[in-house]
């Protein structure tokens, strides 16, 4: 498999939670600096510096949130590709099973003239098909009659 959408979504959720935590940390940093019980130029510089750091933390929180959104989008794409692979795989196996059934019927059937009937070229292609491993991305490029 190429990715577990549930694991990716879980990581996206973790990044969103981290963004919330980082924003809360920024708020606590500013509140702590504002509650310092001293005044003067040094106290003002401290408050200004903490507001700057809090702004940087909020930027980082935004980056975490953007990364979480990108991962969530990627998880959706992974799920879509895996669903497409599974759908193609199911349809191909069904077509192959049908062709093999027709092949088995023809193998035992002789018409009145004693001539053995042959499998159609499309059915022969299905019977001869060597499928990729289950869930493999090569299923996306499979070309079979009826698929």
Protein backbone atom coordinates (compact mmCIF):
# COMPACT_ATOMS: atom_id res chain seq x y z
CA UNK A 1 0.00 0.00 0.00
CA UNK A 2 1.04 3.55 -0.67
CA UNK A 3 -0.33 5.28 2.35
CA UNK A 4 -2.82 4.89 5.12
CA UNK A 5 -5.34 7.70 4.85
CA UNK A 6 -6.41 7.20 8.48
CA UNK A 7 -2.84 7.62 9.71
CA UNK A 8 -2.38 10.71 7.54
CA UNK A 9 -5.64 12.21 8.82
CA UNK A 10 -4.58 11.49 12.40
CA UNK A 11 -1.30 13.35 11.81
CA UNK A 12 -3.20 16.25 10.24
CA UNK A 13 -5.39 16.41 13.33
CA UNK A 14 -2.29 16.38 15.56
CA UNK A 15 -0.88 19.35 13.63
CA UNK A 16 -4.15 21.24 14.09
CA UNK A 17 -4.04 20.50 17.83
CA UNK A 18 -0.44 21.69 17.99
CA UNK A 19 -1.48 24.91 16.26
CA UNK A 20 -4.08 25.51 18.99
CA UNK A 21 -1.51 24.75 21.70
CA UNK A 22 1.06 27.12 20.16
CA UNK A 23 -1.51 29.93 19.93
CA UNK A 24 -2.42 29.37 23.57
CA UNK A 25 1.28 29.49 24.47
CA UNK A 26 1.59 32.81 22.62
CA UNK A 27 -1.39 34.20 24.56
CA UNK A 28 0.12 33.04 27.87
CA UNK A 29 3.46 34.59 26.95
CA UNK A 30 1.88 37.99 26.32
CA UNK A 31 -0.32 37.73 29.42
CA UNK A 32 2.68 36.81 31.56
CA UNK A 33 4.72 39.72 30.24
CA UNK A 34 1.81 42.13 30.75
CA UNK A 35 1.37 40.98 34.32
CA UNK A 36 4.99 41.69 35.30
CA UNK A 37 4.84 43.86 38.41
CA UNK A 38 7.53 46.31 37.44
CA UNK A 39 7.65 49.30 35.15
CA UNK A 40 10.15 51.30 33.23
CA UNK A 41 11.98 51.03 29.96
CA UNK A 42 13.22 47.48 30.61
CA UNK A 43 9.70 46.31 31.44
CA UNK A 44 8.35 47.95 28.27
CA UNK A 45 11.12 46.33 26.21
CA UNK A 46 10.29 42.97 27.74
CA UNK A 47 6.60 43.34 26.90
CA UNK A 48 7.43 44.41 23.35
CA UNK A 49 9.84 41.49 22.89
CA UNK A 50 7.26 39.01 24.23
CA UNK A 51 4.62 40.41 21.85
CA UNK A 52 7.08 39.95 18.97
CA UNK A 53 7.79 36.37 20.08
CA UNK A 54 4.07 35.72 20.44
CA UNK A 55 3.53 36.98 16.88
CA UNK A 56 6.24 34.59 15.69
CA UNK A 57 4.59 31.75 17.60
CA UNK A 58 1.24 32.59 15.98
CA UNK A 59 2.95 32.46 12.57
CA UNK A 60 4.30 29.01 13.44
CA UNK A 61 0.82 27.98 14.58
CA UNK A 62 -0.52 29.10 11.20
CA UNK A 63 2.13 27.03 9.46
CA UNK A 64 1.11 24.00 11.53
CA UNK A 65 -2.50 24.57 10.59
CA UNK A 66 -1.62 24.92 6.89
CA UNK A 67 0.44 21.73 7.05
CA UNK A 68 -2.49 19.95 8.71
CA UNK A 69 -4.83 21.12 5.96
CA UNK A 70 -2.37 19.97 3.29
CA UNK A 71 -2.07 16.58 4.95
CA UNK A 72 -5.84 16.25 5.20
CA UNK A 73 -6.12 17.05 1.49
CA UNK A 74 -3.39 14.50 0.76
CA UNK A 75 -5.22 11.89 2.83
CA UNK A 76 -8.28 12.44 0.67
CA UNK A 77 -6.20 12.00 -2.48
CA UNK A 78 -4.60 8.83 -1.11
CA UNK A 79 -8.05 7.46 -0.32
CA UNK A 80 -9.31 8.36 -3.79
CA UNK A 81 -6.38 6.60 -5.50
CA UNK A 82 -6.72 3.53 -3.33
CA UNK A 83 -10.47 3.42 -4.03
CA UNK A 84 -9.78 3.74 -7.77
CA UNK A 85 -7.26 0.89 -7.61
CA UNK A 86 -9.69 -1.29 -5.67
CA UNK A 87 -12.50 -0.55 -8.13
CA UNK A 88 -10.38 -1.39 -11.17
CA UNK A 89 -9.11 -4.52 -9.43
CA UNK A 90 -12.66 -5.70 -8.61
CA UNK A 91 -13.94 -5.07 -12.14
CA UNK A 92 -10.93 -6.76 -13.71
CA UNK A 93 -11.25 -9.86 -11.53
CA UNK A 94 -14.95 -10.06 -12.34
CA UNK A 95 -14.26 -9.80 -16.09
CA UNK A 96 -11.50 -12.41 -15.82
CA UNK A 97 -13.77 -14.80 -13.89
CA UNK A 98 -16.50 -14.41 -16.51
CA UNK A 99 -14.02 -15.07 -19.34
CA UNK A 100 -12.70 -18.17 -17.56
CA UNK A 101 -16.26 -19.45 -17.14
CA UNK A 102 -16.87 -18.98 -20.87
CA UNK A 103 -13.57 -20.74 -21.56
CA UNK A 104 -14.63 -23.70 -19.42
CA UNK A 105 -17.98 -23.90 -21.19
CA UNK A 106 -16.31 -23.83 -24.62
CA UNK A 107 -13.75 -26.45 -23.66
CA UNK A 108 -16.49 -29.02 -23.21
CA UNK A 109 -18.68 -27.98 -26.12
CA UNK A 110 -18.50 -29.43 -29.63
CA UNK A 111 -21.07 -28.37 -32.16
CA UNK A 112 -22.82 -30.85 -34.46
CA UNK A 113 -19.94 -30.77 -36.98
CA UNK A 114 -17.45 -31.69 -34.28
CA UNK A 115 -15.65 -28.34 -34.49
CA UNK A 116 -14.31 -27.03 -31.24
CA UNK A 117 -15.38 -23.45 -30.62
CA UNK A 118 -12.70 -20.94 -29.69
CA UNK A 119 -12.59 -18.19 -27.16
CA UNK A 120 -13.02 -14.64 -28.45
CA UNK A 121 -9.86 -12.52 -28.66
CA UNK A 122 -11.18 -10.30 -25.85
CA UNK A 123 -11.86 -13.29 -23.60
CA UNK A 124 -8.47 -14.75 -24.46
CA UNK A 125 -6.81 -11.51 -23.42
CA UNK A 126 -8.69 -11.61 -20.13
CA UNK A 127 -7.78 -15.26 -19.49
CA UNK A 128 -4.11 -14.59 -20.29
CA UNK A 129 -3.90 -11.46 -18.12
CA UNK A 130 -1.23 -11.51 -15.42
CA UNK A 131 -2.55 -9.08 -12.77
CA UNK A 132 -0.38 -6.78 -10.68
CA UNK A 133 -0.23 -7.46 -6.93
CA UNK A 134 -3.35 -6.48 -4.97
CA UNK A 135 -3.51 -2.75 -4.30
CA UNK A 136 -0.53 -1.97 -6.55
CA UNK A 137 -0.49 1.32 -8.46
CA UNK A 138 -0.02 -0.61 -11.73
CA UNK A 139 -3.75 -1.35 -11.61
CA UNK A 140 -4.27 2.28 -12.63
CA UNK A 141 -2.70 1.58 -16.04
CA UNK A 142 -4.36 -1.79 -16.70
CA UNK A 143 -6.12 -1.96 -20.04
CA UNK A 144 -8.48 -4.87 -20.50
CA UNK A 145 -11.53 -5.41 -22.72
CA UNK A 146 -14.62 -4.21 -20.89
CA UNK A 147 -12.70 -2.32 -18.23
